[in-house]
Amino acid sequence: MNLQKLSPWNWFKSEANHESPAASSAPERPLPPAMQLHQELDRWMDETLARVGLPSLGSGLTEMPTLLRPSIDISEGDAAYRISIEVPGVDEKDIKLTLDEGRLIIEGEKRQEQVEEEDRYRRVERRYGSFCRVLDLPEDAKAEAIQASFAKGVLTITVPRDGSRPSRRRQIPIQ
């Protein structure tokens, strides 16, 4: 059974081949054995899903402290696809959208600085992290008409659909 036929379009098929998100500036510590096992199982599951053309389930608990990987919601309408990406704490100026041979590349960087000052001390805590998500556009996407907006930590991308292209899906009457 070909599981790839169950998914009409895999938006994330190029993401695994693209550069992985950059690590944040937080120092890496050795993982406890239980977390190492969890990380190995995550890797094995991701490889298995990639073989049948399905997107990764994500990195799970083991990489959360060091990588920033924003959630993506994709909805399909008759006139357009709508992509919403939650990027709290990221400024609009730190987000870059690029179109490259049918792939939409979304990159960004999060910068946080917390300063605490008292009479006898000053504490500054900084955290930096970057992300990169790659989406393969469907064949009926009008790449030249893509629009994006950013409000309240949510990046919304509208990808118009080409209505002149015939749909591959059609109803077959039962006789």
Protein backbone atom coordinates (compact mmCIF):
# COMPACT_ATOMS: atom_id res chain seq x y z
CA MET A 1 0.00 0.00 0.00
CA ASN A 2 1.39 3.39 -0.99
CA LEU A 3 0.75 5.71 1.98
CA GLN A 4 1.82 8.76 -0.02
CA LYS A 5 -1.44 8.58 -1.98
CA LEU A 6 -3.39 9.25 1.23
CA SER A 7 -1.83 12.70 1.54
CA PRO A 8 -2.89 14.99 -1.34
CA TRP A 9 0.08 17.35 -0.98
CA ASN A 10 3.12 17.20 1.27
CA TRP A 11 4.03 20.80 2.04
CA PHE A 12 7.09 19.69 4.03
CA LYS A 13 8.82 17.27 1.62
CA SER A 14 11.87 19.53 1.10
CA GLU A 15 12.19 20.64 4.70
CA ALA A 16 14.20 17.60 5.77
CA ASN A 17 16.72 18.21 2.95
CA HIS A 18 17.06 21.91 3.74
CA GLU A 19 19.40 23.28 6.38
CA SER A 20 18.16 22.46 9.86
CA PRO A 21 17.26 25.30 12.21
CA ALA A 22 20.23 26.96 13.81
CA ALA A 23 20.88 26.20 17.45
CA SER A 24 20.16 28.87 20.00
CA SER A 25 22.86 30.42 22.11
CA ALA A 26 21.93 28.35 25.16
CA PRO A 27 24.80 26.01 26.09
CA GLU A 28 24.21 22.33 25.38
CA ARG A 29 24.42 19.92 28.27
CA PRO A 30 24.82 16.16 27.95
CA LEU A 31 21.43 14.47 27.98
CA PRO A 32 20.53 11.88 30.60
CA PRO A 33 20.34 8.30 29.24
CA ALA A 34 16.52 8.31 29.21
CA MET A 35 16.47 11.47 27.08
CA GLN A 36 19.13 10.03 24.75
CA LEU A 37 16.86 7.02 24.19
CA HIS A 38 13.92 9.36 23.54
CA GLN A 39 16.00 11.33 21.03
CA GLU A 40 17.07 8.15 19.23
CA LEU A 41 13.44 6.96 18.99
CA ASP A 42 12.40 10.37 17.60
CA ARG A 43 15.15 10.16 14.96
CA TRP A 44 14.12 6.61 14.01
CA MET A 45 10.45 7.60 13.70
CA ASP A 46 11.28 10.67 11.57
CA GLU A 47 13.37 8.55 9.20
CA THR A 48 10.59 5.97 8.90
CA LEU A 49 7.98 8.64 8.10
CA ALA A 50 10.31 10.29 5.56
CA ARG A 51 10.67 6.98 3.69
CA VAL A 52 6.92 6.87 3.00
CA GLY A 53 6.70 10.58 2.14
CA LEU A 54 5.06 11.81 5.34
CA PRO A 55 6.20 14.88 7.32
CA SER A 56 8.21 14.59 10.50
CA LEU A 57 6.40 14.55 13.83
CA GLY A 58 8.91 17.04 15.23
CA SER A 59 11.83 16.67 17.53
CA GLY A 60 9.91 16.12 20.71
CA LEU A 61 11.25 17.00 24.12
CA THR A 62 14.94 16.50 23.55
CA GLU A 63 15.58 19.47 21.27
CA MET A 64 13.07 21.96 22.66
CA PRO A 65 15.52 24.00 24.74
CA THR A 66 17.99 24.57 21.91
CA LEU A 67 15.88 24.92 18.75
CA LEU A 68 13.10 27.28 17.76
CA ARG A 69 10.58 25.59 15.49
CA PRO A 70 7.37 27.60 15.08
CA SER A 71 4.07 25.82 14.50
CA ILE A 72 2.49 26.09 11.07
CA ASP A 73 -1.23 25.86 10.26
CA ILE A 74 -2.21 25.44 6.61
CA SER A 75 -5.79 25.78 5.41
CA GLU A 76 -7.09 25.35 1.88
CA GLY A 77 -9.86 27.46 0.38
CA ASP A 78 -11.30 27.64 -3.11
CA ALA A 79 -9.39 30.83 -3.96
CA ALA A 80 -6.24 30.53 -1.83
CA TYR A 81 -4.17 28.63 0.68
CA ARG A 82 -3.70 30.35 4.03
CA ILE A 83 -0.58 29.64 6.08
CA SER A 84 -0.34 30.87 9.69
CA ILE A 85 2.91 30.68 11.63
CA GLU A 86 3.09 31.49 15.33
CA VAL A 87 6.31 33.35 16.12
CA PRO A 88 5.84 35.02 19.53
CA GLY A 89 8.71 37.25 20.57
CA VAL A 90 10.00 37.62 17.00
CA ASP A 91 9.92 41.08 15.43
CA GLU A 92 8.64 41.58 11.89
CA LYS A 93 12.05 42.92 10.82
CA ASP A 94 13.66 39.61 11.87
CA ILE A 95 11.51 37.48 9.52
CA LYS A 96 12.47 36.79 5.91
CA LEU A 97 10.34 35.07 3.24
CA THR A 98 12.02 33.71 0.11
CA LEU A 99 10.60 31.90 -2.90
CA ASP A 100 13.04 29.42 -4.45
CA GLU A 101 11.98 27.07 -7.28
CA GLY A 102 8.52 26.31 -5.94
CA ARG A 103 9.60 26.31 -2.31
CA LEU A 104 8.61 28.98 0.20
CA ILE A 105 11.41 29.47 2.74
CA ILE A 106 10.49 31.14 6.02
CA GLU A 107 13.43 32.25 8.16
CA GLY A 108 13.56 34.24 11.34
CA GLU A 109 15.53 35.07 14.44
CA LYS A 110 14.34 35.54 18.00
CA ARG A 111 16.30 37.83 20.30
CA GLN A 112 15.47 38.21 23.97
CA GLU A 113 17.29 40.18 26.59
CA GLN A 114 16.27 40.43 30.22
CA VAL A 115 18.03 42.91 32.50
CA GLU A 116 17.63 42.90 36.26
CA GLU A 117 19.33 45.61 38.30
CA GLU A 118 19.52 45.95 42.07
CA ASP A 119 21.72 47.98 44.40
CA ARG A 120 24.69 45.64 44.39
CA TYR A 121 24.33 43.63 41.21
CA ARG A 122 23.22 43.65 37.62
CA ARG A 123 22.06 40.50 35.83
CA VAL A 124 21.64 40.30 32.06
CA GLU A 125 20.19 37.20 30.47
CA ARG A 126 20.18 36.84 26.69
CA ARG A 127 18.69 34.14 24.50
CA TYR A 128 18.98 33.96 20.75
CA GLY A 129 17.53 31.44 18.37
CA SER A 130 16.79 31.17 14.69
CA PHE A 131 14.50 29.02 12.63
CA CYS A 132 13.99 27.99 9.03
CA ARG A 133 10.88 26.29 7.67
CA VAL A 134 10.58 25.15 4.04
CA LEU A 135 7.20 24.64 2.36
CA ASP A 136 6.77 23.08 -1.07
CA LEU A 137 4.06 24.94 -2.95
CA PRO A 138 1.35 22.91 -4.71
CA GLU A 139 1.15 22.99 -8.50
CA ASP A 140 -1.90 25.28 -8.50
CA ALA A 141 -0.25 27.97 -6.34
CA LYS A 142 0.26 31.41 -7.90
CA ALA A 143 3.76 32.03 -6.57
CA GLU A 144 4.00 35.53 -8.07
CA ALA A 145 0.94 36.71 -6.09
CA ILE A 146 1.89 35.53 -2.58
CA GLN A 147 1.14 38.07 0.15
CA ALA A 148 2.19 38.15 3.81
CA SER A 149 1.14 40.08 6.89
CA PHE A 150 2.36 40.10 10.49
CA ALA A 151 0.30 40.96 13.58
CA LYS A 152 0.52 40.05 17.27
CA GLY A 153 3.19 37.38 16.82
CA VAL A 154 1.45 35.58 13.94
CA LEU A 155 2.76 35.61 10.38
CA THR A 156 -0.05 35.02 7.87
CA ILE A 157 0.82 34.08 4.29
CA THR A 158 -1.84 33.97 1.57
CA VAL A 159 -1.02 31.87 -1.48
CA PRO A 160 -3.62 32.43 -4.25
CA ARG A 161 -4.68 29.41 -6.28
CA ASP A 162 -4.76 29.30 -10.06
CA GLY A 163 -8.43 28.69 -10.82
CA SER A 164 -7.76 28.14 -14.53
CA ARG A 165 -5.92 24.88 -13.88
CA PRO A 166 -8.20 21.89 -13.95
CA SER A 167 -8.47 20.06 -10.66
CA ARG A 168 -6.98 16.58 -10.52
CA ARG A 169 -9.82 15.56 -8.28
CA ARG A 170 -13.17 14.72 -9.81
CA GLN A 171 -16.30 12.92 -8.78
CA ILE A 172 -16.86 9.56 -10.46
CA PRO A 173 -20.51 8.56 -10.81
CA ILE A 174 -21.47 5.09 -9.65
CA GLN A 175 -23.63 3.20 -12.16
